[in-house]
Amino acid sequence: MSLIDSIKQPRLQHNGLLTCARYAFMPNKLQYCGGPNNEELFAYNVEHISDPGLSALLKEFQTLYPYLKLIAEANKIKDCFDERVVEAYWIGNELLDNISMKRLYAHFIDNLQLKKKLTPREFNLLVGKIPRGAIPHHCFHVLNVYFRTGHLAVPHTINSMDSCRIGWGKVKSIEGDYLNIETQTLSHSNNKLMLKENAEKKVLFKLLNKSFIKTPQLDNLITYHWDWACEIITSQQAYNLKKYTQACLDIANGTMELNQ
């Protein structure tokens, strides 16, 4: 019996669990975070099936799930995988405005255990960003925690940060299993991080002839994570992702430390 055949729950409409799995899949496949379940994450999404088993898989992500809980609890939303919560973390929306400094500080210490994982200096630099507008957005964690906090506690580089943040772009052409998109790339100059516009990039959108984006079209706006196409987004979502990414860059540039 295949993984897909073993999932018995009825097919559901696009929801927060599936959206979250779209973004979590590739770093899981690369063994950076989560459990040994990338084939199952892939199967759930290509078959557009959602059940408690998918929730259990996503709860194994030691950084992702605590952030979702933080956003949900602060906004009095019971389901951590509510579509609004998932969108807030990966893309950004108004739910991020409701996180108090006290709650975020407790999150860093109690939920992520960063005081134990970072040096005292690194931790002090991080919490010093809270009053400057730190937000529980995926990009904030990527750009402001100087090592990957999944399975590999290794320092971030420009390339790894660029791959780990959620990128967005417009489809310009389709070549086999790849989408050629117009996007931005992360660069570093004069001790500042910035996005360079009008970059060209090739991202994978098919594996085993299956995809999360069934029929991509030219000029679609898409997101990608670790060079994997995650989903088609609206112009408003693209605007929000750019807005919150820039906010995270601005905070990171206040105290920039990274390996070239």
Protein backbone atom coordinates (compact mmCIF):
# COMPACT_ATOMS: atom_id res chain seq x y z
CA MET A 1 0.00 0.00 0.00
CA SER A 2 1.39 3.41 -0.97
CA LEU A 3 1.61 6.40 1.35
CA ILE A 4 -1.13 8.07 -0.64
CA ASP A 5 -3.40 5.01 -0.45
CA SER A 6 -2.87 4.80 3.31
CA ILE A 7 -4.39 8.27 3.88
CA LYS A 8 -8.09 7.55 4.35
CA GLN A 9 -9.61 10.86 5.32
CA PRO A 10 -11.82 12.69 2.80
CA ARG A 11 -10.36 15.32 0.52
CA LEU A 12 -10.76 18.84 1.82
CA GLN A 13 -10.55 22.30 0.35
CA HIS A 14 -7.31 24.25 0.60
CA ASN A 15 -6.64 24.81 4.29
CA GLY A 16 -4.02 25.86 6.79
CA LEU A 17 -2.60 22.39 7.31
CA LEU A 18 -1.96 21.91 3.61
CA THR A 19 -0.57 25.41 3.20
CA CYS A 20 1.81 24.83 6.08
CA ALA A 21 2.93 21.51 4.63
CA ARG A 22 3.69 23.19 1.31
CA TYR A 23 6.27 25.43 2.96
CA ALA A 24 7.59 22.80 5.39
CA PHE A 25 8.12 20.11 2.76
CA MET A 26 11.44 21.04 1.17
CA PRO A 27 13.48 21.82 4.33
CA ASN A 28 12.10 18.54 5.67
CA LYS A 29 13.17 16.71 2.51
CA LEU A 30 16.62 18.26 2.92
CA GLN A 31 16.62 16.95 6.54
CA TYR A 32 16.97 20.40 8.06
CA CYS A 33 13.91 20.18 10.32
CA GLY A 34 10.91 18.05 11.22
CA GLY A 35 10.66 14.28 11.35
CA PRO A 36 11.58 11.72 8.67
CA ASN A 37 8.30 12.26 6.88
CA ASN A 38 8.92 14.16 3.65
CA GLU A 39 7.21 11.52 1.49
CA GLU A 40 4.07 11.81 3.59
CA LEU A 41 4.11 15.62 3.53
CA PHE A 42 4.43 15.43 -0.23
CA ALA A 43 1.61 12.88 -0.58
CA TYR A 44 -0.82 14.90 1.51
CA ASN A 45 -0.37 17.96 -0.67
CA VAL A 46 -0.33 16.40 -4.12
CA GLU A 47 -3.53 14.53 -3.22
CA HIS A 48 -4.97 17.58 -1.44
CA ILE A 49 -5.86 15.55 1.64
CA SER A 50 -5.88 16.79 5.22
CA ASP A 51 -6.31 14.77 8.40
CA PRO A 52 -5.00 14.59 12.00
CA GLY A 53 -1.99 12.68 10.74
CA LEU A 54 -0.78 15.74 8.85
CA SER A 55 -1.20 17.86 11.97
CA ALA A 56 0.95 15.36 13.89
CA LEU A 57 3.69 15.53 11.25
CA LEU A 58 3.82 19.32 11.37
CA LYS A 59 3.94 19.38 15.16
CA GLU A 60 7.32 17.63 14.92
CA PHE A 61 8.89 20.85 13.59
CA GLN A 62 10.56 22.26 16.70
CA THR A 63 10.73 25.85 15.47
CA LEU A 64 7.68 26.11 13.22
CA TYR A 65 5.03 24.74 15.58
CA PRO A 66 5.90 26.96 18.60
CA TYR A 67 5.64 30.04 16.38
CA LEU A 68 2.20 28.96 15.16
CA LYS A 69 1.08 28.40 18.76
CA LEU A 70 2.34 31.84 19.73
CA ILE A 71 0.44 33.58 16.92
CA ALA A 72 -2.75 31.58 17.53
CA GLU A 73 -2.80 32.12 21.29
CA ALA A 74 -2.09 35.84 21.02
CA ASN A 75 -5.00 36.21 18.61
CA LYS A 76 -7.35 33.90 20.56
CA ILE A 77 -7.53 31.42 17.70
CA LYS A 78 -7.95 27.83 18.89
CA ASP A 79 -6.49 26.07 15.87
CA CYS A 80 -2.73 26.61 15.44
CA PHE A 81 -3.13 25.55 11.80
CA ASP A 82 -5.91 28.02 11.04
CA GLU A 83 -5.24 29.43 7.57
CA ARG A 84 -4.85 32.96 9.00
CA VAL A 85 -2.22 31.79 11.49
CA VAL A 86 -0.27 29.84 8.89
CA GLU A 87 -0.34 32.80 6.51
CA ALA A 88 0.84 35.14 9.26
CA TYR A 89 3.92 33.04 9.93
CA TRP A 90 5.01 32.21 6.38
CA ILE A 91 3.81 35.30 4.47
CA GLY A 92 2.63 37.89 6.99
CA ASN A 93 -0.68 39.50 7.88
CA GLU A 94 -2.33 41.62 10.59
CA LEU A 95 -2.20 38.85 13.20
CA LEU A 96 1.48 39.70 13.72
CA ASP A 97 0.46 43.09 15.10
CA ASN A 98 -1.10 41.49 18.18
CA ILE A 99 2.03 39.92 19.71
CA SER A 100 3.14 41.72 22.85
CA MET A 101 6.82 42.21 23.65
CA LYS A 102 6.37 40.22 26.87
CA ARG A 103 4.83 37.29 25.02
CA LEU A 104 7.56 37.28 22.37
CA TYR A 105 10.30 37.37 25.02
CA ALA A 106 8.72 34.39 26.81
CA HIS A 107 8.48 32.60 23.47
CA PHE A 108 12.21 32.95 22.85
CA ILE A 109 13.05 31.62 26.31
CA ASP A 110 10.38 29.04 27.06
CA ASN A 111 9.19 27.78 23.69
CA LEU A 112 12.33 27.94 21.58
CA GLN A 113 14.83 27.59 24.45
CA LEU A 114 17.06 30.13 22.73
CA LYS A 115 18.72 31.25 25.95
CA LYS A 116 20.23 27.77 26.13
CA LYS A 117 21.05 27.52 22.43
CA LEU A 118 22.62 30.95 21.90
CA THR A 119 25.62 32.51 23.56
CA PRO A 120 24.75 35.22 26.12
CA ARG A 121 25.83 37.90 23.67
CA GLU A 122 23.76 36.42 20.83
CA PHE A 123 20.71 36.10 23.06
CA ASN A 124 21.03 39.68 24.31
CA LEU A 125 21.30 40.91 20.72
CA LEU A 126 18.16 38.99 19.82
CA VAL A 127 15.97 40.15 22.70
CA GLY A 128 17.24 43.69 22.15
CA LYS A 129 15.35 43.58 18.85
CA ILE A 130 11.99 43.01 20.55
CA PRO A 131 11.32 46.71 21.34
CA ARG A 132 12.54 47.59 17.84
CA GLY A 133 9.67 45.70 16.24
CA ALA A 134 10.58 42.00 16.28
CA ILE A 135 7.74 39.88 14.90
CA PRO A 136 7.05 36.11 14.90
CA HIS A 137 7.48 35.81 11.15
CA HIS A 138 9.52 33.09 9.49
CA CYS A 139 11.80 35.66 7.88
CA PHE A 140 12.51 37.31 11.22
CA HIS A 141 13.80 34.02 12.62
CA VAL A 142 15.88 33.34 9.49
CA LEU A 143 17.54 36.76 9.46
CA ASN A 144 17.88 37.39 13.18
CA VAL A 145 18.87 34.04 14.69
CA TYR A 146 22.37 33.51 13.41
CA PHE A 147 22.27 29.75 13.08
CA ARG A 148 19.77 27.25 11.77
CA THR A 149 17.69 25.96 14.66
CA GLY A 150 16.52 22.71 13.12
CA HIS A 151 18.62 19.55 13.12
CA LEU A 152 21.81 21.36 12.10
CA ALA A 153 22.90 24.10 14.49
CA VAL A 154 25.29 25.66 11.99
CA PRO A 155 25.82 29.36 11.25
CA HIS A 156 23.74 30.97 8.54
CA THR A 157 25.38 32.33 5.40
CA ILE A 158 23.96 34.73 2.82
CA ASN A 159 23.10 31.76 0.60
CA SER A 160 21.42 29.76 3.34
CA MET A 161 19.39 32.77 4.51
CA ASP A 162 18.34 33.48 0.93
CA SER A 163 17.24 29.87 0.50
CA CYS A 164 15.52 29.64 3.87
CA ARG A 165 13.48 32.86 3.68
CA ILE A 166 10.24 32.66 1.71
CA GLY A 167 10.87 34.14 -1.71
CA TRP A 168 8.30 35.30 -4.24
CA GLY A 169 8.35 36.00 -7.93
CA LYS A 170 6.52 36.07 -11.26
CA VAL A 171 6.60 33.08 -13.62
CA LYS A 172 8.29 34.06 -16.88
CA SER A 173 8.63 30.64 -18.49
CA ILE A 174 8.17 26.94 -17.77
CA GLU A 175 10.87 24.41 -18.64
CA GLY A 176 10.11 20.80 -17.79
CA ASP A 177 10.03 20.48 -14.01
CA TYR A 178 11.22 24.04 -13.43
CA LEU A 179 9.72 27.51 -13.35
CA ASN A 180 11.86 30.43 -14.46
CA ILE A 181 10.82 33.40 -12.35
CA GLU A 182 11.62 37.06 -11.92
CA THR A 183 12.39 37.54 -8.24
CA GLN A 184 14.84 39.09 -5.78
CA THR A 185 18.04 37.77 -4.24
CA LEU A 186 19.48 38.51 -0.84
CA SER A 187 22.77 40.39 -0.89
CA HIS A 188 25.15 41.88 1.66
CA SER A 189 26.99 45.18 1.28
CA ASN A 190 28.45 47.63 3.79
CA ASN A 191 27.34 45.35 6.62
CA LYS A 192 23.71 45.57 5.47
CA LEU A 193 21.35 42.98 4.07
CA MET A 194 19.19 43.98 1.11
CA LEU A 195 17.06 42.50 -1.64
CA LYS A 196 18.26 42.93 -5.22
CA GLU A 197 15.28 43.24 -7.55
CA ASN A 198 14.80 41.89 -11.08
CA ALA A 199 16.82 38.74 -10.51
CA GLU A 200 16.17 35.60 -12.54
CA LYS A 201 15.86 32.28 -10.77
CA LYS A 202 14.94 28.70 -11.62
CA VAL A 203 12.85 26.87 -9.03
CA LEU A 204 11.72 23.25 -9.02
CA PHE A 205 7.96 22.69 -9.09
CA LYS A 206 7.65 18.99 -9.94
CA LEU A 207 8.91 15.81 -8.31
CA LEU A 208 7.96 12.41 -9.71
CA ASN A 209 5.78 14.32 -12.18
CA LYS A 210 3.69 15.71 -9.30
CA SER A 211 3.46 19.25 -7.99
CA PHE A 212 1.87 21.51 -5.40
CA ILE A 213 1.12 23.94 -8.23
CA LYS A 214 -0.90 21.86 -10.68
CA THR A 215 -1.04 24.13 -13.73
CA PRO A 216 1.28 27.13 -13.41
CA GLN A 217 0.72 29.91 -15.91
CA LEU A 218 2.92 32.71 -17.16
CA ASP A 219 2.81 35.76 -14.88
CA ASN A 220 1.52 33.76 -11.91
CA LEU A 221 2.88 35.10 -8.62
CA ILE A 222 4.38 32.22 -6.67
CA THR A 223 6.26 31.63 -3.43
CA TYR A 224 9.24 29.33 -3.03
CA HIS A 225 11.25 27.85 -0.16
CA TRP A 226 14.65 26.21 -0.57
CA ASP A 227 14.18 26.53 -4.37
CA TRP A 228 10.87 24.63 -4.31
CA ALA A 229 7.70 26.27 -5.65
CA CYS A 230 5.14 26.30 -2.83
CA GLU A 231 1.95 27.97 -4.05
CA ILE A 232 0.37 30.63 -6.23
CA ILE A 233 -0.33 33.80 -4.25
CA THR A 234 -2.37 36.95 -4.75
CA SER A 235 -0.91 40.38 -5.37
CA GLN A 236 -1.98 41.34 -1.83
CA GLN A 237 -0.08 38.38 -0.37
CA ALA A 238 2.97 39.32 -2.44
CA TYR A 239 2.69 42.86 -1.09
CA ASN A 240 2.46 41.56 2.48
CA LEU A 241 5.39 39.20 2.04
CA LYS A 242 7.54 42.00 0.68
CA LYS A 243 6.41 44.34 3.47
CA TYR A 244 7.18 41.91 6.31
CA THR A 245 10.41 40.69 4.69
CA GLN A 246 11.64 44.29 4.49
CA ALA A 247 10.65 44.86 8.13
CA CYS A 248 12.69 41.81 9.13
CA LEU A 249 15.63 43.06 7.06
CA ASP A 250 15.47 46.45 8.76
CA ILE A 251 15.56 44.83 12.19
CA ALA A 252 18.41 42.51 11.19
CA ASN A 253 20.46 45.40 9.84
CA GLY A 254 20.48 47.02 13.27
CA THR A 255 22.96 44.41 14.50
CA MET A 256 24.22 42.46 11.52
CA GLU A 257 26.47 39.46 12.13
CA LEU A 258 26.83 36.58 9.70
CA ASN A 259 29.30 34.37 7.88
CA GLN A 260 29.95 35.41 4.30
